[in-house]
N, C-alpha and C. Protein backbone atom coordinates (compact mmCIF):
# COMPACT_ATOMS: atom_id res chain seq x y z
N UNK A 1 0.65 -1.35 -0.09
CA UNK A 1 -0.09 -0.05 -0.05
C UNK A 1 0.98 1.46 -0.09
N UNK A 2 0.93 1.94 -0.91
CA UNK A 2 1.35 3.41 -1.43
C UNK A 2 1.01 4.30 -0.24
N UNK A 3 1.88 4.89 0.88
CA UNK A 3 0.61 5.48 2.12
C UNK A 3 0.53 7.04 1.15
N UNK A 4 1.59 7.32 0.66
CA UNK A 4 1.61 8.66 -0.57
C UNK A 4 0.43 9.37 -1.19
N UNK A 5 0.07 8.33 -2.23
CA UNK A 5 -0.91 8.18 -3.05
C UNK A 5 -2.24 7.92 -2.31
N UNK A 6 -2.13 6.96 -1.34
CA UNK A 6 -3.67 6.30 -0.89
C UNK A 6 -3.87 7.20 0.38
N UNK A 7 -3.04 8.53 1.17
CA UNK A 7 -3.19 8.88 2.28
C UNK A 7 -4.83 9.12 2.18
N UNK A 8 -5.21 10.37 0.91
CA UNK A 8 -6.60 10.61 1.57
C UNK A 8 -7.90 9.87 1.69
N UNK A 9 -7.96 8.40 0.63
CA UNK A 9 -8.48 7.48 1.00
C UNK A 9 -8.15 6.74 2.77
N UNK A 10 -7.03 6.71 3.06
CA UNK A 10 -7.17 6.27 4.33
C UNK A 10 -7.61 7.06 5.36
N UNK A 11 -7.28 8.69 5.47
CA UNK A 11 -7.87 9.13 5.71
C UNK A 11 -9.74 9.11 5.90
N UNK A 12 -10.06 9.09 5.27
CA UNK A 12 -11.61 8.55 5.17
C UNK A 12 -11.71 7.27 5.46
N UNK A 13 -10.93 6.81 5.37
CA UNK A 13 -11.53 5.29 6.05
C UNK A 13 -11.27 5.66 7.63
N UNK A 14 -10.49 6.29 8.30
CA UNK A 14 -10.11 6.33 9.59
C UNK A 14 -11.07 7.35 10.17
N UNK A 15 -12.18 8.19 9.43
CA UNK A 15 -13.06 8.76 10.02
C UNK A 15 -14.28 8.09 9.80
N UNK A 16 -14.02 7.50 8.73
CA UNK A 16 -15.11 6.31 8.81
C UNK A 16 -15.56 5.15 10.33
N UNK A 17 -14.31 4.77 10.53
CA UNK A 17 -13.99 3.56 11.38
C UNK A 17 -14.19 4.29 12.69
N UNK A 18 -13.93 5.47 13.40
CA UNK A 18 -14.33 6.27 14.28
C UNK A 18 -15.43 6.45 14.37
N UNK A 19 -16.16 6.61 13.50
CA UNK A 19 -17.97 7.24 13.75
C UNK A 19 -18.75 5.68 13.90
N UNK A 20 -18.21 4.69 13.37
CA UNK A 20 -18.95 3.55 13.58
C UNK A 20 -18.23 2.72 15.13
N UNK A 21 -17.31 2.83 15.66
CA UNK A 21 -16.90 2.39 16.63
C UNK A 21 -16.33 3.33 17.53
N UNK A 22 -16.05 4.47 17.41
CA UNK A 22 -15.43 5.53 18.48
C UNK A 22 -14.19 5.39 18.94
N UNK A 23 -13.17 4.66 18.26
CA UNK A 23 -12.11 4.47 18.85
C UNK A 23 -10.85 3.25 17.61
N UNK A 24 -9.71 3.66 17.42
CA UNK A 24 -8.87 3.17 16.76
C UNK A 24 -8.00 2.29 17.95
N UNK A 25 -7.48 0.99 17.25
CA UNK A 25 -6.45 0.30 18.45
C UNK A 25 -5.23 1.06 18.56
N UNK A 26 -4.59 0.93 19.27
CA UNK A 26 -2.88 1.17 18.88
C UNK A 26 -2.13 0.00 19.42
N UNK A 27 -1.15 -0.77 18.86
CA UNK A 27 -0.67 -1.94 19.57
C UNK A 27 0.94 -1.55 19.34
N UNK A 28 1.44 -1.56 21.03
CA UNK A 28 2.44 -1.23 21.34
C UNK A 28 3.45 -2.63 22.03
N UNK A 29 4.76 -2.64 22.22
CA UNK A 29 5.53 -3.34 22.72
C UNK A 29 6.16 -2.99 23.85
N UNK A 30 6.30 -3.70 25.25
CA UNK A 30 6.80 -3.19 26.36
C UNK A 30 8.20 -3.71 26.05
N UNK A 31 8.92 -3.09 27.60
CA UNK A 31 10.37 -3.23 27.73
C UNK A 31 10.93 -4.93 27.14
N UNK A 32 9.65 -5.64 27.81
CA UNK A 32 10.02 -7.43 27.95
C UNK A 32 9.48 -8.10 26.43
N UNK A 33 9.17 -7.02 25.55
CA UNK A 33 8.69 -7.51 24.14
C UNK A 33 7.26 -8.13 24.57
N UNK A 34 6.60 -7.67 25.48
CA UNK A 34 5.18 -8.14 25.62
C UNK A 34 4.10 -7.13 24.61
N UNK A 35 3.34 -7.94 23.59
CA UNK A 35 2.40 -6.67 22.84
C UNK A 35 1.15 -6.16 23.99
N UNK A 36 0.87 -5.02 23.40
CA UNK A 36 -0.21 -4.99 24.19
C UNK A 36 -0.94 -4.05 23.14
N UNK A 37 -2.69 -3.54 23.27
CA UNK A 37 -3.19 -2.77 22.66
C UNK A 37 -4.01 -1.66 23.26
N UNK A 38 -4.14 -0.90 23.30
CA UNK A 38 -4.53 0.52 23.77
C UNK A 38 -5.65 0.94 22.71
N UNK A 39 -6.94 1.07 23.05
CA UNK A 39 -8.25 1.95 22.03
C UNK A 39 -8.22 3.42 23.01
N UNK A 40 -7.92 4.00 21.45
CA UNK A 40 -7.62 5.57 21.51
C UNK A 40 -8.93 6.07 20.69
N UNK A 41 -9.50 7.04 21.46
CA UNK A 41 -10.84 7.92 20.61
C UNK A 41 -10.24 8.91 19.95
N UNK A 42 -9.51 9.45 20.40
CA UNK A 42 -8.93 11.03 19.54
C UNK A 42 -7.83 10.83 18.44
N UNK A 43 -7.26 9.49 17.85
CA UNK A 43 -6.75 10.10 16.82
C UNK A 43 -7.14 10.50 15.66
N UNK A 44 -6.58 11.65 15.37
CA UNK A 44 -6.64 12.24 14.11
C UNK A 44 -5.07 11.97 13.05
N UNK A 45 -5.86 11.92 11.98
CA UNK A 45 -4.75 11.81 11.14
C UNK A 45 -4.69 13.20 10.09
N UNK A 46 -3.36 14.07 9.91
CA UNK A 46 -2.86 14.90 9.24
C UNK A 46 -2.77 15.00 7.92
N UNK A 47 -2.11 15.87 7.22
CA UNK A 47 -2.59 15.76 5.60
C UNK A 47 -1.42 15.22 5.23
N UNK A 48 0.10 15.11 5.70
CA UNK A 48 1.44 14.79 6.02
C UNK A 48 1.83 13.45 6.25
N UNK A 49 1.02 12.50 6.30
CA UNK A 49 1.52 11.16 6.87
C UNK A 49 1.58 10.88 8.06
N UNK A 50 1.25 12.11 9.04
CA UNK A 50 1.34 11.95 10.30
C UNK A 50 0.46 12.10 10.92
N UNK A 51 -0.11 11.63 12.58
CA UNK A 51 -0.84 11.89 12.99
C UNK A 51 -0.65 12.46 14.41
N UNK A 52 -1.95 12.44 15.37
CA UNK A 52 -1.45 12.59 16.81
C UNK A 52 -2.91 12.27 17.54
N UNK A 53 -2.73 11.93 18.51
CA UNK A 53 -4.32 11.32 19.43
C UNK A 53 -3.31 12.00 20.99
N UNK A 54 -4.76 12.48 21.87
CA UNK A 54 -4.38 13.19 22.84
C UNK A 54 -4.03 11.85 24.30
N UNK A 55 -3.02 12.54 24.73
CA UNK A 55 -2.88 11.28 25.76
C UNK A 55 -3.16 12.02 27.24
N UNK A 56 -4.58 11.44 27.56
CA UNK A 56 -4.57 11.97 28.77
C UNK A 56 -4.65 10.50 29.38
N UNK A 57 -5.17 9.62 28.67
CA UNK A 57 -5.83 8.31 29.71
C UNK A 57 -4.90 7.27 29.32
N UNK A 58 -3.59 7.27 27.89
CA UNK A 58 -3.12 6.13 28.15
C UNK A 58 -2.30 6.13 28.84
N UNK A 59 -1.32 4.94 29.48
CA UNK A 59 -0.64 4.99 30.60
C UNK A 59 0.16 3.83 30.07
N UNK A 60 0.39 2.84 29.30
CA UNK A 60 1.49 1.88 28.58
C UNK A 60 1.32 2.26 27.41
N UNK A 61 1.21 3.29 26.57
CA UNK A 61 1.57 3.93 25.17
C UNK A 61 3.10 4.87 25.97
N UNK A 62 2.63 5.73 26.77
CA UNK A 62 4.26 6.65 26.44
C UNK A 62 4.69 5.80 27.66
N UNK A 63 4.57 4.68 28.79
CA UNK A 63 5.55 3.70 28.98
C UNK A 63 6.28 3.10 27.97
N UNK A 64 5.77 2.43 26.86
CA UNK A 64 6.36 1.36 25.97
C UNK A 64 7.20 2.21 25.14
N UNK A 65 7.03 3.74 24.68
CA UNK A 65 7.56 4.31 23.91
C UNK A 65 9.19 4.88 24.53
N UNK A 66 8.99 4.75 26.06
CA UNK A 66 10.44 4.96 26.42
C UNK A 66 11.41 3.79 26.03
N UNK A 67 11.36 2.78 25.34
CA UNK A 67 12.13 1.61 25.10
C UNK A 67 11.69 1.37 23.47
N UNK A 68 10.59 1.48 23.01
CA UNK A 68 10.78 1.47 21.58
C UNK A 68 8.83 2.10 20.98
N UNK A 69 9.38 2.78 20.10
CA UNK A 69 8.76 3.92 19.34
C UNK A 69 7.58 3.63 18.44
N UNK A 70 7.98 2.28 18.27
CA UNK A 70 7.11 1.72 17.21
C UNK A 70 5.72 1.46 17.53
N UNK A 71 4.49 1.43 16.72
CA UNK A 71 3.67 1.28 17.16
C UNK A 71 2.70 0.79 15.59
N UNK A 72 1.66 0.46 15.71
CA UNK A 72 0.66 -0.21 14.58
C UNK A 72 -0.52 0.08 15.03
N UNK A 73 -1.56 0.81 14.24
CA UNK A 73 -2.78 1.75 14.56
C UNK A 73 -3.68 0.68 13.68
N UNK A 74 -4.52 -0.01 14.21
CA UNK A 74 -5.60 -0.60 13.41
C UNK A 74 -7.29 -0.01 13.61
N UNK A 75 -7.66 0.52 12.40
CA UNK A 75 -8.96 1.31 12.33
C UNK A 75 -9.67 -0.21 11.21
N UNK A 76 -11.07 -0.20 12.28
CA UNK A 76 -12.09 -0.95 11.44
C UNK A 76 -13.36 -0.31 11.79
N UNK A 77 -13.70 -0.15 10.01
CA UNK A 77 -15.35 0.26 10.19
C UNK A 77 -16.22 -0.77 10.35
N UNK A 78 -16.78 -0.51 11.54
CA UNK A 78 -17.55 -1.54 12.59
C UNK A 78 -19.02 -0.98 12.31
N UNK A 79 -19.20 -0.20 11.26
CA UNK A 79 -20.62 0.35 10.57
C UNK A 79 -21.65 -1.25 10.28
N UNK A 80 -22.61 -1.41 10.92
CA UNK A 80 -23.40 -2.50 10.96
C UNK A 80 -24.27 -2.34 9.70
N UNK A 81 -24.35 -0.86 9.12
CA UNK A 81 -25.01 -1.25 7.34
C UNK A 81 -23.82 -1.63 6.58
N UNK A 82 -22.81 -1.34 6.98
CA UNK A 82 -21.33 -1.36 6.00
C UNK A 82 -21.20 -3.13 5.90
N UNK A 83 -21.14 -3.70 6.97
CA UNK A 83 -20.66 -5.18 6.97
C UNK A 83 -22.43 -5.85 6.36
N UNK A 84 -23.87 -5.44 6.70
CA UNK A 84 -24.78 -6.08 5.97
C UNK A 84 -24.88 -6.02 4.40
N UNK A 85 -24.91 -4.75 4.53
CA UNK A 85 -24.69 -4.35 2.61
C UNK A 85 -23.59 -5.49 2.20
N UNK A 86 -22.71 -5.57 2.54
CA UNK A 86 -21.20 -6.35 2.29
C UNK A 86 -21.84 -7.78 2.44
N UNK A 87 -21.81 -8.00 3.47
CA UNK A 87 -22.79 -9.81 2.93
C UNK A 87 -23.29 -9.87 1.89
N UNK A 88 -24.49 -9.08 2.11
CA UNK A 88 -25.37 -9.48 1.11
C UNK A 88 -24.67 -9.51 -0.06
N UNK A 89 -23.96 -8.43 -0.64
CA UNK A 89 -23.58 -8.34 -2.04
C UNK A 89 -22.18 -9.60 -2.37
N UNK A 90 -21.57 -10.29 -0.69
CA UNK A 90 -20.67 -11.32 -0.58
C UNK A 90 -19.22 -10.62 -1.24
N UNK A 91 -19.14 -9.25 -0.91
CA UNK A 91 -17.78 -8.41 -1.33
C UNK A 91 -17.70 -6.97 -0.82
N UNK A 92 -16.77 -6.81 -0.53
CA UNK A 92 -16.96 -4.99 0.29
C UNK A 92 -16.61 -4.64 -1.12
N UNK A 93 -17.01 -3.29 -1.15
CA UNK A 93 -16.77 -2.46 -2.09
C UNK A 93 -15.13 -1.30 -1.63
N UNK A 94 -15.32 -1.46 -0.38
CA UNK A 94 -13.86 -0.76 -0.03
C UNK A 94 -13.44 -1.54 1.47
N UNK A 95 -12.24 -1.78 1.55
CA UNK A 95 -11.44 -2.54 2.48
C UNK A 95 -12.06 -2.26 3.88
N UNK A 96 -12.52 -3.04 4.49
CA UNK A 96 -13.41 -2.92 5.84
C UNK A 96 -12.51 -2.28 6.99
N UNK A 97 -11.07 -2.69 6.90
CA UNK A 97 -9.90 -2.55 8.00
C UNK A 97 -8.70 -1.84 7.25
N UNK A 98 -7.86 -1.30 7.79
CA UNK A 98 -6.60 -0.81 7.82
C UNK A 98 -5.23 -0.53 8.85
N UNK A 99 -4.36 -0.77 8.52
CA UNK A 99 -3.59 -0.86 9.76
C UNK A 99 -2.23 0.39 9.85
N UNK A 100 -1.86 1.26 10.11
CA UNK A 100 -0.66 1.77 9.72
C UNK A 100 0.23 1.54 10.94
N UNK A 101 1.47 1.63 10.20
CA UNK A 101 2.93 1.79 11.08
C UNK A 101 3.17 2.60 11.17
N UNK A 102 3.86 2.89 12.66
CA UNK A 102 4.62 4.35 12.46
C UNK A 102 5.46 4.73 13.76
N UNK A 103 5.81 5.38 13.82
CA UNK A 103 6.64 5.54 15.38
C UNK A 103 6.08 6.98 16.07
N UNK A 104 5.78 6.71 17.64
CA UNK A 104 5.25 7.63 18.50
C UNK A 104 7.20 8.96 18.33
N UNK A 105 6.11 10.09 18.27
CA UNK A 105 6.89 11.33 18.52
C UNK A 105 6.66 11.38 20.08
N UNK A 106 7.42 12.97 20.42
CA UNK A 106 7.35 13.06 21.47
C UNK A 106 6.30 14.18 22.24
N UNK A 107 5.67 13.46 23.54
CA UNK A 107 4.68 14.34 24.46
C UNK A 107 4.39 15.54 24.01
N UNK A 108 3.79 16.77 23.74
CA UNK A 108 3.55 17.86 23.70
C UNK A 108 2.32 18.71 23.95
N UNK A 109 2.88 20.02 24.31
CA UNK A 109 1.15 20.53 24.69
C UNK A 109 0.26 20.61 23.14
N UNK A 110 -0.86 20.42 23.25
CA UNK A 110 -1.92 20.48 22.47
C UNK A 110 -1.87 21.94 21.27
N UNK A 111 -1.91 22.27 20.27
CA UNK A 111 -2.37 23.57 19.94
C UNK A 111 -3.74 23.73 19.86
N UNK A 112 -3.90 25.21 19.49
CA UNK A 112 -4.96 25.58 19.39
C UNK A 112 -6.03 25.16 18.64
N UNK A 113 -5.35 24.61 17.49
CA UNK A 113 -6.03 23.81 16.17
C UNK A 113 -6.47 22.28 16.42
N UNK A 114 -5.28 21.97 17.31
CA UNK A 114 -5.48 20.02 16.99
C UNK A 114 -6.55 20.33 18.60
N UNK A 115 -7.02 21.08 19.14
CA UNK A 115 -8.11 21.21 20.20
C UNK A 115 -8.82 21.70 19.90
N UNK A 116 -9.18 22.35 18.95
CA UNK A 116 -10.33 22.85 18.25
C UNK A 116 -10.78 20.94 17.15
N UNK A 117 -9.65 20.80 16.65
CA UNK A 117 -10.24 19.50 15.75
C UNK A 117 -10.88 18.42 16.64
N UNK A 118 -10.43 18.09 18.21
CA UNK A 118 -10.99 17.37 18.91
C UNK A 118 -12.55 17.80 19.41
N UNK A 119 -12.58 19.35 19.47
CA UNK A 119 -13.87 20.18 19.86
C UNK A 119 -14.63 19.77 18.67
N UNK A 120 -14.47 19.73 17.65
CA UNK A 120 -15.45 19.72 16.18
C UNK A 120 -15.85 18.07 16.61
N UNK A 121 -15.11 17.26 16.62
CA UNK A 121 -15.17 15.67 16.64
C UNK A 121 -16.21 15.47 17.83
N UNK A 122 -16.16 16.00 18.61
CA UNK A 122 -16.94 15.82 20.02
C UNK A 122 -18.22 16.64 19.91
N UNK A 123 -18.29 17.38 18.87
CA UNK A 123 -19.23 18.30 19.34
C UNK A 123 -20.86 17.62 19.49
N UNK A 124 -21.32 16.55 18.87
CA UNK A 124 -22.22 16.00 18.82
C UNK A 124 -22.92 15.66 20.71
N UNK A 125 -21.49 15.43 21.21
CA UNK A 125 -22.13 15.09 22.48
C UNK A 125 -21.17 16.45 23.80
N UNK A 126 -21.68 17.22 22.93
CA UNK A 126 -20.88 18.71 23.92
C UNK A 126 -22.00 18.95 25.14
N UNK A 127 -23.52 18.35 25.07
CA UNK A 127 -24.01 19.02 25.92
C UNK A 127 -24.14 17.98 26.89
N UNK A 128 -23.68 16.87 26.71
CA UNK A 128 -23.83 15.70 28.38
C UNK A 128 -22.76 15.72 29.20
N UNK A 129 -23.02 15.43 29.88
CA UNK A 129 -21.99 15.50 31.23
C UNK A 129 -20.88 14.73 31.34
N UNK A 130 -20.76 13.45 30.14
CA UNK A 130 -19.87 12.88 29.95
C UNK A 130 -18.65 13.06 29.17
N UNK A 131 -19.29 13.99 27.95
CA UNK A 131 -18.61 14.95 27.63
C UNK A 131 -17.13 15.83 28.29
N UNK A 132 -18.00 16.56 29.17
CA UNK A 132 -16.51 17.10 29.78
C UNK A 132 -15.86 16.26 30.75
N UNK A 133 -16.55 15.21 31.30
CA UNK A 133 -15.38 14.34 32.24
C UNK A 133 -14.63 13.41 31.14
N UNK A 134 -14.70 13.22 30.06
CA UNK A 134 -13.72 12.61 29.10
C UNK A 134 -13.01 13.66 28.16
N UNK A 135 -13.49 14.64 27.52
CA UNK A 135 -12.71 15.22 26.30
C UNK A 135 -12.63 17.26 27.32
N UNK A 136 -13.10 17.06 28.21
CA UNK A 136 -12.85 18.75 28.99
C UNK A 136 -11.42 19.10 29.08
N UNK A 137 -10.75 18.18 29.49
CA UNK A 137 -9.21 19.24 29.75
C UNK A 137 -8.27 18.27 29.10
N UNK A 138 -8.52 18.07 27.68
CA UNK A 138 -7.22 17.22 26.82
C UNK A 138 -6.07 18.63 26.71
N UNK A 139 -5.01 18.41 27.37
CA UNK A 139 -3.99 19.49 26.92
C UNK A 139 -2.69 19.12 26.31
N UNK A 140 -2.66 17.55 26.15
CA UNK A 140 -1.46 17.17 26.16
C UNK A 140 -1.72 16.09 24.27
N UNK A 141 -0.37 16.38 23.37
CA UNK A 141 -0.98 15.31 22.32
C UNK A 141 0.69 14.41 22.15
N UNK A 142 0.55 13.36 21.72
CA UNK A 142 1.57 12.51 21.14
C UNK A 142 1.17 12.08 19.66
N UNK A 143 2.24 12.95 18.81
CA UNK A 143 2.46 12.70 17.31
C UNK A 143 2.85 11.34 17.15
N UNK A 144 2.34 11.07 15.82
CA UNK A 144 2.74 9.57 14.87
C UNK A 144 3.52 9.75 13.95
N UNK A 145 4.46 9.58 13.45
CA UNK A 145 4.59 9.23 11.54
C UNK A 145 4.85 8.07 11.18
N UNK A 146 4.20 8.17 10.16
CA UNK A 146 3.56 6.35 9.68
C UNK A 146 4.70 6.02 8.32
N UNK A 147 4.78 5.07 8.76
CA UNK A 147 5.73 4.71 7.60
C UNK A 147 5.08 3.59 5.92
N UNK A 148 4.15 3.10 7.12
CA UNK A 148 3.88 1.91 6.34
C UNK A 148 2.38 1.77 6.16
N UNK A 149 1.48 1.05 5.30
CA UNK A 149 0.36 0.86 5.92
C UNK A 149 -0.30 -0.61 5.35
N UNK A 150 -1.46 -0.95 5.74
CA UNK A 150 -1.40 -2.61 5.15
C UNK A 150 -3.43 -2.42 5.06
N UNK A 151 -3.44 -2.62 4.07
CA UNK A 151 -5.06 -3.35 3.66
C UNK A 151 -5.45 -4.68 4.59
N UNK A 152 -6.62 -4.89 5.24
CA UNK A 152 -6.58 -6.18 5.62
C UNK A 152 -7.61 -6.75 4.29
N UNK A 153 -7.25 -7.89 4.47
CA UNK A 153 -7.87 -8.60 3.08
C UNK A 153 -8.46 -9.73 4.12
N UNK A 154 -9.68 -10.11 2.98
CA UNK A 154 -10.96 -11.11 4.02
C UNK A 154 -11.26 -12.18 3.10
N UNK A 155 -10.62 -12.99 2.18
CA UNK A 155 -10.49 -13.67 1.32
C UNK A 155 -11.45 -13.17 0.32
N UNK A 156 -12.47 -13.92 -0.36
CA UNK A 156 -13.42 -13.85 -1.52
C UNK A 156 -14.16 -12.45 -1.07
N UNK A 157 -14.58 -11.73 0.13
CA UNK A 157 -15.23 -10.76 0.38
C UNK A 157 -14.03 -9.15 -0.35
N UNK A 158 -12.76 -9.51 -0.03
CA UNK A 158 -11.88 -8.33 -0.61
C UNK A 158 -11.19 -8.94 -1.50
N UNK A 159 -11.61 -9.77 -2.19
CA UNK A 159 -10.57 -10.45 -3.86
C UNK A 159 -9.89 -9.21 -4.52
N UNK A 160 -11.55 -8.66 -4.85
CA UNK A 160 -11.45 -7.50 -6.08
C UNK A 160 -10.72 -6.34 -5.65
N UNK A 161 -10.99 -5.66 -4.13
CA UNK A 161 -9.81 -4.45 -4.15
C UNK A 161 -8.63 -4.49 -4.53
């Protein structure tokens, strides 16, 4: 998968995936080479093969980044309608999941633009009490620079893609 040429499609896929499951999964490895997966509800992809997530709740990712900055991000389109239509047709029109491989950057304070992107994404829940608890005090982000992508294949269902 060529990241440079397919980046706009990848970004659309990640947006669809977030809308259907409200998170992506980020895999990392600890100092003892034990893998772990962290659900992240605040990943954003930029236009230049990079992304960032707000680092308020994750504890293992920052800890693992001290020894190994490599990560794998999995985004699955979990939309029930997408799956029903695909199962009815016997094929997917687009890939149901994409993995991106990259390296974590340093933790830093979020810019106003990054905070506004988070606020825009969470706008639908703005009036709910849980919105304030979960996303009301997001101050720090961690960037990810992506180097490789992989479309998930599901046999006959994705053969023509």
